[in-house]
């Protein structure tokens, strides 16, 4: 039986397909005029876009990438709408990376493009958030394609780890090993991919790695120290957090990779605060413990998380999500150099301390 195309999987309702499902599908060709790959996981967004490109079979000369913080809509539109005498006629593709601010600045123009697009041209928006109640989201759902690149629940993550390990790294992992990797790394797909690549170096000819070897290799002291850094920030232990940050950066830890781990751990406090406030608005307040579980904390973590959230306080917790997004944008732009990246991370520690 032939694999369903991505279009067939979503034909019944105009909603986003998850990146895991999308990367197992055969994307429709020609590509739709506008595509949004959105969600919190950088790795999944990159892989989804790569899957589009690989499946489209477009000539590399017809693909252009733009910076959402720097480039203008005019530049992007001209690329999509203008034909060169040397075009092969196979279509053109423009990718806007880090497109959150780009969408905010050019929303009306993007809405017009989604309704009145140039033939054989596709625009890909790579961004962290895209609200489902906006006109742009609905137009992309109608005339284009939406790929959700936020990690799903733990069960789905463990299933993905097993499948990705086999298809991309030639590993034969057991559910127990997948669970251990998830526990050690968290729902950070890029870091998981790095750990799987490391495990592949120690696999036998059948792709098997002993349980003890997995436990020994996965995570390592840097991953453990990153979790300790997140805990120190949540506890308000500023001196310890700065010390842990220094150890990680001196050891060569990439600031963006470190940010991914911190964001996964800390954003749950912001989500919990939002859930409590939303419930209060409809006069149906949920217990703080329930909000923390819904935000992603495991039952055995809730008691400690509750005391940490109370220390952080609601105003700071509510501002945490925006603060983490802002930090991520800085690390990919104005604070991409090592010294400025350290300053940005230290500022986050001081703000939450």
Protein backbone atom coordinates (compact mmCIF):
# COMPACT_ATOMS: atom_id res chain seq x y z
CA UNK A 1 0.00 0.00 0.00
CA UNK A 2 1.47 3.37 -1.02
CA UNK A 3 2.23 5.89 1.70
CA UNK A 4 -0.31 8.67 1.96
CA UNK A 5 0.78 12.10 0.90
CA UNK A 6 0.84 14.88 3.49
CA UNK A 7 -2.11 16.47 1.68
CA UNK A 8 -4.18 13.29 1.97
CA UNK A 9 -3.46 13.03 5.68
CA UNK A 10 -4.84 16.52 6.33
CA UNK A 11 -7.59 16.70 3.72
CA UNK A 12 -10.35 16.12 6.26
CA UNK A 13 -9.65 19.25 8.27
CA UNK A 14 -7.56 22.40 7.82
CA UNK A 15 -5.20 21.90 10.76
CA UNK A 16 -1.47 21.49 11.20
CA UNK A 17 0.19 18.13 10.74
CA UNK A 18 2.81 17.26 13.33
CA UNK A 19 6.43 17.22 12.16
CA UNK A 20 6.80 13.54 13.13
CA UNK A 21 3.93 12.55 10.83
CA UNK A 22 4.98 14.97 8.13
CA UNK A 23 8.53 13.58 7.91
CA UNK A 24 7.08 10.11 7.36
CA UNK A 25 4.81 11.33 4.54
CA UNK A 26 5.35 12.07 0.87
CA UNK A 27 4.77 15.84 0.54
CA UNK A 28 2.59 16.93 -2.33
CA UNK A 29 4.30 18.26 -5.43
CA UNK A 30 4.34 20.92 -6.65
CA UNK A 31 4.79 22.58 -3.29
CA UNK A 32 1.92 24.77 -2.03
CA UNK A 33 2.32 28.56 -2.32
CA UNK A 34 2.81 29.15 1.40
CA UNK A 35 4.04 26.84 4.16
CA UNK A 36 4.48 27.51 7.87
CA UNK A 37 6.80 25.32 9.94
CA UNK A 38 6.18 26.56 13.47
CA UNK A 39 6.83 25.38 17.01
CA UNK A 40 9.31 25.43 19.85
CA UNK A 41 11.85 22.89 18.53
CA UNK A 42 14.51 24.33 16.21
CA UNK A 43 15.63 20.88 15.07
CA UNK A 44 12.14 19.81 14.02
CA UNK A 45 11.62 23.05 12.09
CA UNK A 46 14.89 22.54 10.23
CA UNK A 47 14.15 18.89 9.51
CA UNK A 48 10.63 19.69 8.26
CA UNK A 49 11.99 22.29 5.84
CA UNK A 50 14.72 19.90 4.71
CA UNK A 51 12.03 17.27 4.04
CA UNK A 52 10.14 19.76 1.86
CA UNK A 53 13.28 20.61 -0.10
CA UNK A 54 14.33 16.99 -0.57
CA UNK A 55 10.85 16.01 -1.73
CA UNK A 56 10.39 18.98 -4.05
CA UNK A 57 13.42 18.07 -6.20
CA UNK A 58 13.89 21.77 -6.92
CA UNK A 59 17.11 22.98 -8.46
CA UNK A 60 19.29 24.46 -5.70
CA UNK A 61 19.61 27.63 -7.80
CA UNK A 62 15.90 28.30 -7.35
CA UNK A 63 16.01 28.17 -3.53
CA UNK A 64 16.77 31.30 -1.51
CA UNK A 65 16.98 31.74 2.27
CA UNK A 66 16.24 34.98 4.13
CA UNK A 67 16.72 36.24 7.68
CA UNK A 68 13.41 37.23 9.25
CA UNK A 69 15.09 39.89 11.40
CA UNK A 70 17.05 41.51 8.58
CA UNK A 71 15.38 41.03 5.20
CA UNK A 72 12.32 42.87 3.91
CA UNK A 73 9.11 41.54 2.38
CA UNK A 74 10.00 43.37 -0.83
CA UNK A 75 13.17 41.28 -1.20
CA UNK A 76 11.31 38.05 -0.54
CA UNK A 77 8.38 38.94 -2.79
CA UNK A 78 10.65 39.99 -5.66
CA UNK A 79 12.41 36.63 -5.47
CA UNK A 80 9.11 34.75 -5.60
CA UNK A 81 7.37 36.85 -8.23
CA UNK A 82 10.22 37.61 -10.65
CA UNK A 83 11.27 35.20 -13.36
CA UNK A 84 14.77 35.12 -14.77
CA UNK A 85 15.54 34.39 -18.40
CA UNK A 86 17.59 31.45 -17.16
CA UNK A 87 14.89 29.86 -14.99
CA UNK A 88 14.31 26.21 -15.75
CA UNK A 89 10.58 26.54 -15.10
CA UNK A 90 10.58 24.14 -12.17
CA UNK A 91 9.39 26.61 -9.54
CA UNK A 92 11.04 28.85 -6.94
CA UNK A 93 11.30 28.56 -3.17
CA UNK A 94 11.98 31.30 -0.61
CA UNK A 95 12.64 30.34 3.02
CA UNK A 96 12.34 32.97 5.75
CA UNK A 97 14.13 31.71 8.86
CA UNK A 98 13.37 33.17 12.29
CA UNK A 99 10.22 34.66 10.80
CA UNK A 100 8.35 35.67 13.99
CA UNK A 101 9.12 39.39 13.70
CA UNK A 102 8.87 39.17 9.91
CA UNK A 103 5.28 37.93 10.22
CA UNK A 104 4.42 40.66 12.72
CA UNK A 105 5.81 43.39 10.44
CA UNK A 106 4.37 42.03 7.19
CA UNK A 107 1.16 40.30 8.22
CA UNK A 108 -1.13 42.04 5.71
CA UNK A 109 1.30 41.45 2.84
CA UNK A 110 1.59 37.78 3.76
CA UNK A 111 -2.19 37.47 3.92
CA UNK A 112 -2.41 38.93 0.41
CA UNK A 113 0.25 36.49 -0.81
CA UNK A 114 -1.62 33.56 0.73
CA UNK A 115 -4.69 34.56 -1.29
CA UNK A 116 -3.05 35.85 -4.50
CA UNK A 117 0.22 34.04 -5.03
CA UNK A 118 2.50 33.75 -8.01
CA UNK A 119 2.30 30.39 -9.80
CA UNK A 120 5.09 27.87 -9.23
CA UNK A 121 6.45 29.79 -6.26
CA UNK A 122 6.49 28.70 -2.61
CA UNK A 123 7.14 30.70 0.53
CA UNK A 124 8.26 28.83 3.66
CA UNK A 125 7.97 30.59 7.03
CA UNK A 126 10.08 29.11 9.83
CA UNK A 127 8.91 30.53 13.15
CA UNK A 128 8.31 29.68 16.78
CA UNK A 129 4.65 30.65 17.13
CA UNK A 130 1.67 31.08 14.83
CA UNK A 131 -1.66 31.62 16.56
CA UNK A 132 -4.46 29.43 15.19
CA UNK A 133 -7.04 32.20 15.56
CA UNK A 134 -5.32 34.58 13.13
CA UNK A 135 -6.38 35.23 9.55
CA UNK A 136 -2.91 34.26 8.30
CA UNK A 137 -3.06 30.85 9.99
CA UNK A 138 -6.47 30.17 8.45
CA UNK A 139 -5.34 31.27 4.99
CA UNK A 140 -2.27 29.03 5.16
CA UNK A 141 -4.50 26.15 6.29
CA UNK A 142 -6.78 26.81 3.30
CA UNK A 143 -4.29 27.48 0.51
CA UNK A 144 -0.98 26.21 1.90
CA UNK A 145 0.36 23.87 4.53
CA UNK A 146 1.01 23.93 8.30
CA UNK A 147 3.63 21.81 10.10
CA UNK A 148 3.60 21.79 13.91
CA UNK A 149 7.18 21.47 15.19
CA UNK A 150 6.55 21.37 18.95
CA UNK A 151 7.56 18.12 20.72
CA UNK A 152 4.49 16.03 21.63
CA UNK A 153 3.80 13.98 24.78
CA UNK A 154 6.36 11.61 26.30
CA UNK A 155 4.89 8.45 24.76
CA UNK A 156 5.04 9.91 21.24
CA UNK A 157 8.56 11.18 21.88
CA UNK A 158 9.78 7.72 22.92
CA UNK A 159 8.24 6.19 19.79
CA UNK A 160 9.94 8.83 17.65
CA UNK A 161 13.31 8.19 19.31
CA UNK A 162 13.12 4.50 18.36
CA UNK A 163 12.10 5.26 14.77
CA UNK A 164 14.59 8.10 14.26
CA UNK A 165 17.41 6.06 15.78
CA UNK A 166 16.74 3.26 13.29
CA UNK A 167 16.13 5.32 10.15
CA UNK A 168 18.85 7.95 10.62
CA UNK A 169 21.49 6.25 12.76
CA UNK A 170 21.05 2.52 12.16
CA UNK A 171 20.33 1.84 15.85
CA UNK A 172 18.03 -0.81 17.27
CA UNK A 173 16.85 0.73 20.55
CA UNK A 174 14.49 -0.93 23.01
CA UNK A 175 11.56 0.94 24.61
CA UNK A 176 13.53 0.89 27.88
CA UNK A 177 16.50 2.59 26.22
CA UNK A 178 14.24 5.12 24.53
CA UNK A 179 12.68 5.93 27.91
CA UNK A 180 16.12 6.43 29.45
CA UNK A 181 17.19 8.80 26.67
CA UNK A 182 13.99 10.80 27.10
CA UNK A 183 14.50 10.97 30.86
CA UNK A 184 18.13 12.07 30.55
CA UNK A 185 17.75 14.58 27.72
CA UNK A 186 14.16 15.78 27.85
CA UNK A 187 11.99 16.64 24.84
CA UNK A 188 14.78 18.39 22.91
CA UNK A 189 14.97 16.70 19.54
CA UNK A 190 18.25 18.22 18.40
CA UNK A 191 20.10 17.07 21.50
CA UNK A 192 18.50 13.64 21.24
CA UNK A 193 19.75 13.40 17.65
CA UNK A 194 23.28 14.26 18.83
CA UNK A 195 23.13 11.59 21.53
CA UNK A 196 21.90 9.00 19.03
CA UNK A 197 24.79 9.84 16.71
CA UNK A 198 27.16 9.25 19.61
CA UNK A 199 25.52 5.91 20.46
CA UNK A 200 25.85 4.80 16.84
CA UNK A 201 29.63 4.84 17.25
CA UNK A 202 29.36 2.11 19.88
CA UNK A 203 26.71 -0.08 18.22
CA UNK A 204 27.45 -3.56 16.91
CA UNK A 205 26.83 -4.64 13.32
CA UNK A 206 23.13 -5.14 14.08
CA UNK A 207 22.75 -1.66 15.56
CA UNK A 208 22.40 -2.88 19.15
CA UNK A 209 23.92 -1.06 22.13
CA UNK A 210 23.89 -2.69 25.62
CA UNK A 211 21.72 -1.01 28.26
CA UNK A 212 24.74 -0.28 30.41
CA UNK A 213 26.49 1.47 27.54
CA UNK A 214 23.44 3.62 26.85
CA UNK A 215 23.25 4.60 30.52
CA UNK A 216 26.97 5.42 30.50
CA UNK A 217 27.02 7.46 27.31
CA UNK A 218 23.73 9.35 27.14
CA UNK A 219 23.66 12.78 28.71
CA UNK A 220 27.11 12.99 30.20
CA UNK A 221 28.19 15.60 32.72
CA UNK A 222 27.33 18.54 30.46
CA UNK A 223 23.69 17.53 30.16
CA UNK A 224 23.49 16.84 33.90
CA UNK A 225 25.10 20.21 34.67
CA UNK A 226 22.63 21.96 32.34
CA UNK A 227 19.73 20.49 34.34
CA UNK A 228 21.46 21.59 37.56
CA UNK A 229 21.77 25.07 36.07
CA UNK A 230 18.03 25.14 35.32
CA UNK A 231 17.27 23.98 38.87
CA UNK A 232 19.56 26.64 40.33
CA UNK A 233 17.81 29.35 38.30
CA UNK A 234 14.38 28.11 39.44
CA UNK A 235 15.60 28.05 43.06
CA UNK A 236 16.99 31.57 42.86
CA UNK A 237 20.54 30.41 43.62
CA UNK A 238 22.20 33.02 41.44
CA UNK A 239 25.83 32.38 42.45
CA UNK A 240 25.53 28.64 41.81
CA UNK A 241 23.77 29.24 38.49
CA UNK A 242 26.53 31.60 37.30
CA UNK A 243 29.15 29.04 38.36
CA UNK A 244 27.41 26.23 36.46
CA UNK A 245 27.00 28.45 33.39
CA UNK A 246 30.71 29.26 33.48
CA UNK A 247 31.62 25.55 33.63
CA UNK A 248 29.45 24.72 30.64
CA UNK A 249 30.65 27.60 28.46
CA UNK A 250 34.30 27.02 29.36
CA UNK A 251 33.86 23.38 28.36
CA UNK A 252 32.70 24.45 24.90
CA UNK A 253 28.94 24.10 25.36
CA UNK A 254 27.09 25.85 22.54
CA UNK A 255 24.96 28.72 23.87
CA UNK A 256 21.98 27.90 21.62
CA UNK A 257 22.09 24.22 22.61
CA UNK A 258 22.25 25.23 26.26
CA UNK A 259 19.35 27.62 25.73
CA UNK A 260 17.27 24.76 24.31
CA UNK A 261 17.69 22.75 27.52
CA UNK A 262 17.02 25.74 29.77
CA UNK A 263 13.98 26.75 27.74
CA UNK A 264 12.45 23.26 27.90
CA UNK A 265 12.87 23.20 31.67
CA UNK A 266 11.91 26.78 32.55
CA UNK A 267 9.05 27.44 30.12
CA UNK A 268 6.90 24.96 32.05
CA UNK A 269 6.68 27.46 34.92
CA UNK A 270 5.41 30.12 32.52
CA UNK A 271 2.86 27.73 31.04
CA UNK A 272 1.60 26.79 34.49
CA UNK A 273 1.18 30.45 35.47
CA UNK A 274 -0.77 31.09 32.26
CA UNK A 275 -3.04 28.10 32.91
CA UNK A 276 -3.87 29.34 36.42
CA UNK A 277 -4.64 32.84 35.16
CA UNK A 278 -6.78 31.56 32.29
CA UNK A 279 -8.81 29.42 34.69
CA UNK A 280 -9.38 32.40 36.97
CA UNK A 281 -10.78 34.43 34.08
CA UNK A 282 -13.58 31.91 33.62
CA UNK A 283 -14.19 31.50 37.38
CA UNK A 284 -12.95 27.92 37.37
CA UNK A 285 -9.57 28.07 39.06
CA UNK A 286 -7.52 24.89 38.84
CA UNK A 287 -5.13 23.84 41.62
CA UNK A 288 -1.53 24.88 41.10
CA UNK A 289 -0.45 21.23 41.18
CA UNK A 290 -2.83 20.40 38.33
CA UNK A 291 -1.57 23.36 36.30
CA UNK A 292 2.02 22.20 36.77
CA UNK A 293 1.19 18.69 35.58
CA UNK A 294 -0.58 20.06 32.52
CA UNK A 295 2.46 22.24 31.84
CA UNK A 296 4.67 19.15 31.62
CA UNK A 297 5.93 18.33 35.11
CA UNK A 298 5.78 14.69 36.10
CA UNK A 299 3.74 13.84 39.24
CA UNK A 300 6.84 13.23 41.35
CA UNK A 301 8.22 16.66 40.31
CA UNK A 302 5.13 18.67 41.19
CA UNK A 303 5.79 19.34 44.89
CA UNK A 304 9.23 20.83 44.24
CA UNK A 305 8.00 22.67 41.14
CA UNK A 306 5.15 24.21 43.16
CA UNK A 307 7.54 25.69 45.74
CA UNK A 308 9.78 26.99 42.95
CA UNK A 309 6.89 28.61 41.10
CA UNK A 310 5.74 30.34 44.28
CA UNK A 311 9.26 31.70 44.75
CA UNK A 312 9.43 32.95 41.17
CA UNK A 313 6.03 34.61 41.56
CA UNK A 314 3.24 34.99 39.05
CA UNK A 315 4.40 38.23 37.34
CA UNK A 316 7.87 36.86 36.58
CA UNK A 317 6.53 33.44 35.63
CA UNK A 318 4.06 35.01 33.18
CA UNK A 319 6.87 37.01 31.60
CA UNK A 320 9.12 33.95 31.38
CA UNK A 321 7.82 32.67 28.05
CA UNK A 322 8.34 35.98 26.28
CA UNK A 323 11.73 36.33 27.98
CA UNK A 324 12.88 32.93 26.74
CA UNK A 325 11.75 33.71 23.17
CA UNK A 326 13.55 37.06 23.34
CA UNK A 327 16.73 35.36 24.59
CA UNK A 328 16.55 32.80 21.80
CA UNK A 329 16.26 35.56 19.19
CA UNK A 330 19.20 37.43 20.75
CA UNK A 331 21.43 34.34 20.70
CA UNK A 332 20.67 33.90 16.99
CA UNK A 333 21.15 37.59 16.20
CA UNK A 334 22.55 40.47 18.22
CA UNK A 335 24.14 38.21 20.87
CA UNK A 336 25.46 35.41 18.68
CA UNK A 337 29.12 36.01 19.60
CA UNK A 338 30.39 34.06 22.61
CA UNK A 339 30.93 37.08 24.94
CA UNK A 340 27.52 38.58 24.20
CA UNK A 341 25.83 35.17 24.46
CA UNK A 342 27.27 34.83 27.98
CA UNK A 343 25.93 38.29 28.89
CA UNK A 344 22.45 37.38 27.62
CA UNK A 345 22.40 34.12 29.59
CA UNK A 346 23.68 35.83 32.74
CA UNK A 347 20.95 38.49 32.35
CA UNK A 348 18.32 35.72 32.34
CA UNK A 349 19.79 34.25 35.51
CA UNK A 350 19.80 37.63 37.27
CA UNK A 351 16.24 38.40 36.14
CA UNK A 352 14.86 35.17 37.55
CA UNK A 353 17.14 34.99 40.59
